[in-house]
């Protein structure tokens, strides 16, 4: 009896307000269709997936590389199979192996890049906020940054010799100027309203204003400089190892080129690319950890 009354009430309501039931039906259909678990995996959705497209593009590249490599001299253009075989041989060979060369290059990058960050960030913020520092250092910073880093290698060899210290110093010089220039841009772009807010809270013009307002507001620019500087650090380390004959990935690249061993060169280049990508991703991870207050970052996540 109760179920009959409910059915009659529902029927009467549907008769009086048919638009309400039609709207509820449309909403239910929309929710059901928007559920990703119930969507069929059609051929179109598989090919639209960005990772699937990247994998397909990589496989096509490797296949084309293998086909072209088989028609060329292996000394000039090694196919992927030869590169993989040489890669395994370099990892298990005696002497300077690929893992040991990678560790040496990582050490060179870290020893040269960390002082560049420690010195470059405060210098950039100081130049960006102080007219005296800007007038004194800005011209020299832009002048040295415009010099191709490879042209400084002969000077470093004459001054310091072909040793690891020259490699560390080259990495330092290659990576410090992107950090300084981006830190300057960040310090210059601090909004005046933030400075006024800081002064109204009693920070004044002392260390509190620099630590609580200027540095956090400049942090996105600083992190961009760190990402660029990390890439320049890897480039500086490879150049130092090639031209100064210090051990590392650059030494393997030079050794393979002198012996016309393109498989060795490509293996070392692939590891160098992975090293640069991992270092950049580490800087991005550090940026996410430090810039948790950033509104833009929180929206993208």
Protein backbone atom coordinates (compact mmCIF):
# COMPACT_ATOMS: atom_id res chain seq x y z
CA UNK A 1 0.00 0.00 0.00
CA UNK A 2 2.81 2.37 0.91
CA UNK A 3 4.74 1.62 -2.30
CA UNK A 4 1.54 2.21 -4.32
CA UNK A 5 1.05 5.63 -2.71
CA UNK A 6 4.67 6.54 -3.38
CA UNK A 7 4.33 5.50 -7.02
CA UNK A 8 1.13 7.55 -7.40
CA UNK A 9 2.81 10.57 -5.73
CA UNK A 10 5.80 10.28 -8.05
CA UNK A 11 3.54 10.01 -11.07
CA UNK A 12 1.58 13.10 -10.02
CA UNK A 13 4.80 15.04 -9.45
CA UNK A 14 6.06 14.02 -12.88
CA UNK A 15 2.80 15.19 -14.38
CA UNK A 16 2.98 18.59 -12.68
CA UNK A 17 6.76 19.16 -13.15
CA UNK A 18 7.99 17.18 -16.15
CA UNK A 19 10.94 19.56 -16.69
CA UNK A 20 12.35 18.63 -13.27
CA UNK A 21 12.52 14.94 -14.09
CA UNK A 22 14.02 15.62 -17.51
CA UNK A 23 16.73 17.74 -15.90
CA UNK A 24 17.52 15.04 -13.33
CA UNK A 25 17.76 12.48 -16.12
CA UNK A 26 20.20 14.69 -18.07
CA UNK A 27 22.35 15.20 -14.95
CA UNK A 28 22.45 11.46 -14.27
CA UNK A 29 23.43 10.75 -17.88
CA UNK A 30 26.16 13.41 -17.70
CA UNK A 31 27.60 11.97 -14.47
CA UNK A 32 27.53 8.46 -15.91
CA UNK A 33 29.25 9.52 -19.14
CA UNK A 34 31.88 11.59 -17.31
CA UNK A 35 33.01 8.66 -15.17
CA UNK A 36 36.47 7.73 -16.49
CA UNK A 37 36.16 4.16 -15.22
CA UNK A 38 33.19 3.47 -17.49
CA UNK A 39 34.72 5.02 -20.64
CA UNK A 40 35.70 2.39 -23.21
CA UNK A 41 39.35 2.44 -24.29
CA UNK A 42 38.87 3.11 -27.98
CA UNK A 43 41.68 3.38 -30.51
CA UNK A 44 41.30 7.16 -30.54
CA UNK A 45 41.77 7.52 -26.77
CA UNK A 46 44.88 5.32 -26.91
CA UNK A 47 46.53 7.43 -29.61
CA UNK A 48 45.53 10.74 -27.97
CA UNK A 49 47.29 9.81 -24.70
CA UNK A 50 50.47 11.92 -24.51
CA UNK A 51 52.67 9.15 -23.16
CA UNK A 52 51.49 6.77 -25.84
CA UNK A 53 52.34 9.34 -28.51
CA UNK A 54 55.81 9.83 -27.02
CA UNK A 55 56.46 6.08 -26.93
CA UNK A 56 55.27 5.66 -30.52
CA UNK A 57 57.47 8.54 -31.67
CA UNK A 58 60.48 7.06 -29.86
CA UNK A 59 59.91 3.61 -31.36
CA UNK A 60 59.58 5.09 -34.84
CA UNK A 61 62.80 7.05 -34.31
CA UNK A 62 64.68 3.92 -33.18
CA UNK A 63 63.37 1.87 -36.12
CA UNK A 64 64.35 4.54 -38.64
CA UNK A 65 67.74 4.90 -36.93
CA UNK A 66 68.32 1.12 -37.16
CA UNK A 67 67.32 0.98 -40.83
CA UNK A 68 69.53 3.92 -41.80
CA UNK A 69 72.39 2.67 -39.61
CA UNK A 70 72.45 -0.70 -41.36
CA UNK A 71 73.02 1.02 -44.70
CA UNK A 72 75.94 3.13 -43.44
CA UNK A 73 79.43 2.45 -42.21
CA UNK A 74 79.25 1.51 -38.51
CA UNK A 75 82.29 3.69 -37.78
CA UNK A 76 80.46 6.75 -39.07
CA UNK A 77 76.84 6.07 -38.10
CA UNK A 78 76.35 3.31 -35.55
CA UNK A 79 72.89 1.66 -35.37
CA UNK A 80 71.05 1.30 -32.03
CA UNK A 81 72.01 -2.36 -31.64
CA UNK A 82 75.71 -1.47 -31.82
CA UNK A 83 75.19 1.40 -29.36
CA UNK A 84 73.49 -0.90 -26.85
CA UNK A 85 76.27 -3.49 -27.16
CA UNK A 86 78.95 -0.83 -26.71
CA UNK A 87 77.02 0.68 -23.79
CA UNK A 88 77.03 -2.66 -21.97
CA UNK A 89 80.71 -3.13 -22.76
CA UNK A 90 81.54 0.33 -21.36
CA UNK A 91 79.66 -0.50 -18.16
CA UNK A 92 81.55 -3.76 -17.60
CA UNK A 93 84.93 -2.93 -19.13
CA UNK A 94 88.12 -2.41 -17.13
CA UNK A 95 89.67 1.02 -16.73
CA UNK A 96 87.43 4.08 -17.07
CA UNK A 97 83.94 2.59 -17.20
CA UNK A 98 80.77 4.49 -17.99
CA UNK A 99 79.48 4.47 -14.37
CA UNK A 100 82.82 5.71 -13.00
CA UNK A 101 83.01 8.44 -15.66
CA UNK A 102 79.45 9.49 -14.80
CA UNK A 103 80.32 9.77 -11.11
CA UNK A 104 83.36 11.92 -11.94
CA UNK A 105 81.23 14.25 -14.08
CA UNK A 106 78.56 14.47 -11.37
CA UNK A 107 81.23 15.35 -8.83
CA UNK A 108 82.62 18.06 -11.13
CA UNK A 109 79.14 19.53 -11.65
CA UNK A 110 78.29 19.55 -7.93
CA UNK A 111 81.62 21.04 -6.80
CA UNK A 112 81.37 23.82 -9.38
CA UNK A 113 77.62 24.48 -9.23
CA UNK A 114 77.05 24.72 -5.48
CA UNK A 115 79.47 27.67 -4.97
CA UNK A 116 77.88 29.33 -8.00
CA UNK A 117 74.48 29.16 -6.26
CA UNK A 118 75.83 30.27 -2.88
CA UNK A 119 77.59 33.29 -4.39
CA UNK A 120 75.27 34.02 -7.31
CA UNK A 121 71.93 34.32 -5.50
CA UNK A 122 72.99 36.93 -2.87
CA UNK A 123 74.98 38.83 -5.48
CA UNK A 124 72.00 38.99 -7.83
CA UNK A 125 69.59 40.12 -5.12
CA UNK A 126 72.07 42.77 -3.95
CA UNK A 127 72.58 44.11 -7.47
CA UNK A 128 68.83 44.08 -8.07
CA UNK A 129 68.01 46.09 -4.95
CA UNK A 130 71.04 48.38 -4.63
CA UNK A 131 71.74 51.14 -7.14
CA UNK A 132 75.37 51.33 -6.04
CA UNK A 133 75.91 47.61 -6.56
CA UNK A 134 74.12 47.77 -9.91
CA UNK A 135 76.25 50.63 -11.20
CA UNK A 136 79.41 48.86 -9.99
CA UNK A 137 78.79 45.27 -11.18
CA UNK A 138 76.03 45.16 -13.79
CA UNK A 139 78.22 46.06 -16.79
CA UNK A 140 80.89 43.50 -15.87
CA UNK A 141 78.30 40.76 -15.29
CA UNK A 142 76.74 41.28 -18.72
CA UNK A 143 80.17 41.58 -20.36
CA UNK A 144 81.52 38.31 -18.97
CA UNK A 145 78.22 36.50 -19.57
CA UNK A 146 78.40 37.44 -23.26
CA UNK A 147 81.79 35.71 -23.65
CA UNK A 148 81.49 32.14 -25.02
CA UNK A 149 82.64 29.85 -22.23
CA UNK A 150 84.74 27.76 -24.59
CA UNK A 151 87.03 30.73 -25.29
CA UNK A 152 88.03 30.87 -21.61
CA UNK A 153 89.37 27.30 -21.54
CA UNK A 154 92.85 28.20 -22.88
CA UNK A 155 93.18 30.89 -20.20
CA UNK A 156 92.19 28.48 -17.45
CA UNK A 157 94.70 25.93 -18.73
CA UNK A 158 97.47 28.56 -18.66
CA UNK A 159 96.47 29.88 -15.24
CA UNK A 160 95.60 26.64 -13.42
CA UNK A 161 96.81 23.81 -15.67
CA UNK A 162 94.87 20.83 -17.04
CA UNK A 163 93.54 19.47 -13.77
CA UNK A 164 90.30 19.02 -11.88
CA UNK A 165 90.51 22.47 -10.30
CA UNK A 166 90.33 24.02 -13.77
CA UNK A 167 87.26 21.88 -14.46
CA UNK A 168 85.58 22.99 -11.23
CA UNK A 169 86.33 26.64 -11.96
CA UNK A 170 85.01 26.35 -15.51
CA UNK A 171 81.74 24.88 -14.22
CA UNK A 172 81.55 27.67 -11.64
CA UNK A 173 82.00 30.39 -14.27
CA UNK A 174 79.59 28.72 -16.70
CA UNK A 175 76.77 28.43 -14.16
CA UNK A 176 77.05 31.49 -11.94
CA UNK A 177 75.96 34.16 -14.42
CA UNK A 178 72.51 32.71 -15.25
CA UNK A 179 71.91 32.52 -11.49
CA UNK A 180 73.03 36.13 -10.96
CA UNK A 181 71.05 37.56 -13.88
CA UNK A 182 67.80 35.80 -12.94
CA UNK A 183 68.24 36.78 -9.30
CA UNK A 184 68.66 40.40 -10.40
CA UNK A 185 65.44 40.19 -12.42
CA UNK A 186 63.61 38.69 -9.46
CA UNK A 187 64.81 41.35 -7.03
CA UNK A 188 63.88 44.13 -9.45
CA UNK A 189 60.36 42.76 -9.97
CA UNK A 190 59.33 42.72 -6.31
CA UNK A 191 56.04 44.61 -6.13
CA UNK A 192 56.06 47.88 -4.23
CA UNK A 193 52.83 46.85 -2.47
CA UNK A 194 54.67 43.89 -0.89
CA UNK A 195 57.42 46.17 0.36
CA UNK A 196 54.89 48.58 1.83
CA UNK A 197 53.08 45.70 3.51
CA UNK A 198 56.35 44.48 5.00
CA UNK A 199 57.21 47.93 6.31
CA UNK A 200 53.73 48.28 7.81
CA UNK A 201 54.38 45.06 9.76
CA UNK A 202 57.55 46.53 11.17
CA UNK A 203 60.17 44.88 8.97
CA UNK A 204 61.60 48.26 7.99
CA UNK A 205 64.59 48.17 5.66
CA UNK A 206 66.65 45.63 7.58
CA UNK A 207 67.24 41.90 7.34
CA UNK A 208 63.59 41.09 8.05
CA UNK A 209 62.43 42.79 4.85
CA UNK A 210 65.06 40.97 2.78
CA UNK A 211 64.39 37.60 4.37
CA UNK A 212 60.59 37.72 4.56
CA UNK A 213 59.62 39.83 1.52
CA UNK A 214 62.35 40.32 -1.09
CA UNK A 215 63.81 36.80 -1.14
CA UNK A 216 60.45 34.91 -1.24
CA UNK A 217 59.12 37.25 -3.94
CA UNK A 218 62.27 36.71 -6.02
CA UNK A 219 62.25 32.94 -5.59
CA UNK A 220 60.49 32.02 -8.90
CA UNK A 221 63.14 33.96 -10.83
CA UNK A 222 65.92 32.45 -8.74
CA UNK A 223 64.68 28.93 -9.40
CA UNK A 224 64.53 29.66 -13.13
CA UNK A 225 68.14 30.78 -12.90
CA UNK A 226 69.06 27.57 -11.07
CA UNK A 227 67.48 25.45 -13.81
CA UNK A 228 69.40 27.33 -16.51
CA UNK A 229 72.57 27.30 -14.44
CA UNK A 230 72.31 23.54 -13.90
CA UNK A 231 72.25 23.00 -17.65
CA UNK A 232 75.24 25.32 -18.10
CA UNK A 233 77.08 23.43 -15.35
CA UNK A 234 76.73 20.14 -17.23
CA UNK A 235 77.91 21.81 -20.44
CA UNK A 236 80.89 23.33 -18.63
CA UNK A 237 81.86 19.97 -17.11
CA UNK A 238 81.75 18.20 -20.50
CA UNK A 239 83.77 20.96 -22.19
CA UNK A 240 86.37 20.84 -19.43
CA UNK A 241 86.71 17.08 -19.72
CA UNK A 242 87.04 17.25 -23.50
CA UNK A 243 89.60 20.05 -23.77
CA UNK A 244 91.47 19.57 -20.49
CA UNK A 245 91.66 15.78 -20.82
CA UNK A 246 90.32 15.17 -17.33
CA UNK A 247 88.45 11.92 -16.75
CA UNK A 248 84.69 11.86 -17.10
CA UNK A 249 81.97 11.62 -19.73
CA UNK A 250 83.65 14.29 -21.83
CA UNK A 251 86.84 12.25 -21.83
CA UNK A 252 84.91 9.23 -23.13
CA UNK A 253 83.36 11.38 -25.86
CA UNK A 254 86.79 12.64 -26.92
CA UNK A 255 88.30 9.16 -26.71
CA UNK A 256 85.53 7.65 -28.86
CA UNK A 257 85.80 10.45 -31.43
CA UNK A 258 89.57 10.02 -31.75
CA UNK A 259 89.09 6.28 -32.38
CA UNK A 260 86.09 6.77 -34.73
CA UNK A 261 84.00 4.81 -32.23
CA UNK A 262 80.63 6.48 -32.68
CA UNK A 263 78.96 3.88 -30.45
CA UNK A 264 81.08 5.04 -27.51
CA UNK A 265 80.39 8.69 -28.33
CA UNK A 266 76.62 8.16 -28.53
CA UNK A 267 76.61 6.11 -25.30
CA UNK A 268 78.39 8.89 -23.41
CA UNK A 269 76.12 11.54 -24.97
CA UNK A 270 72.99 9.63 -23.90
CA UNK A 271 74.25 9.46 -20.31
CA UNK A 272 75.07 13.18 -20.45
CA UNK A 273 71.54 13.97 -21.59
CA UNK A 274 70.07 11.87 -18.78
CA UNK A 275 72.35 13.62 -16.29
CA UNK A 276 71.15 17.04 -17.44
CA UNK A 277 67.50 15.99 -17.30
CA UNK A 278 67.85 14.48 -13.80
CA UNK A 279 69.63 17.58 -12.50
CA UNK A 280 66.94 19.85 -13.92
CA UNK A 281 64.17 17.69 -12.44
CA UNK A 282 65.92 17.80 -9.06
CA UNK A 283 65.93 21.60 -9.21
CA UNK A 284 62.22 21.54 -10.08
CA UNK A 285 61.54 19.23 -7.12
CA UNK A 286 63.50 21.56 -4.84
CA UNK A 287 61.48 24.48 -6.19
CA UNK A 288 58.20 22.74 -5.36
CA UNK A 289 59.43 22.02 -1.84
CA UNK A 290 60.59 25.58 -1.24
CA UNK A 291 57.84 27.50 -3.07
CA UNK A 292 54.85 25.85 -1.41
CA UNK A 293 53.50 29.32 -0.64
CA UNK A 294 53.30 30.19 -4.34
CA UNK A 295 49.70 30.55 -5.52
CA UNK A 296 50.55 29.72 -9.11
CA UNK A 297 52.35 26.55 -8.06
CA UNK A 298 49.47 25.39 -5.89
CA UNK A 299 47.00 25.88 -8.76
CA UNK A 300 49.10 23.88 -11.22
CA UNK A 301 49.35 20.98 -8.78
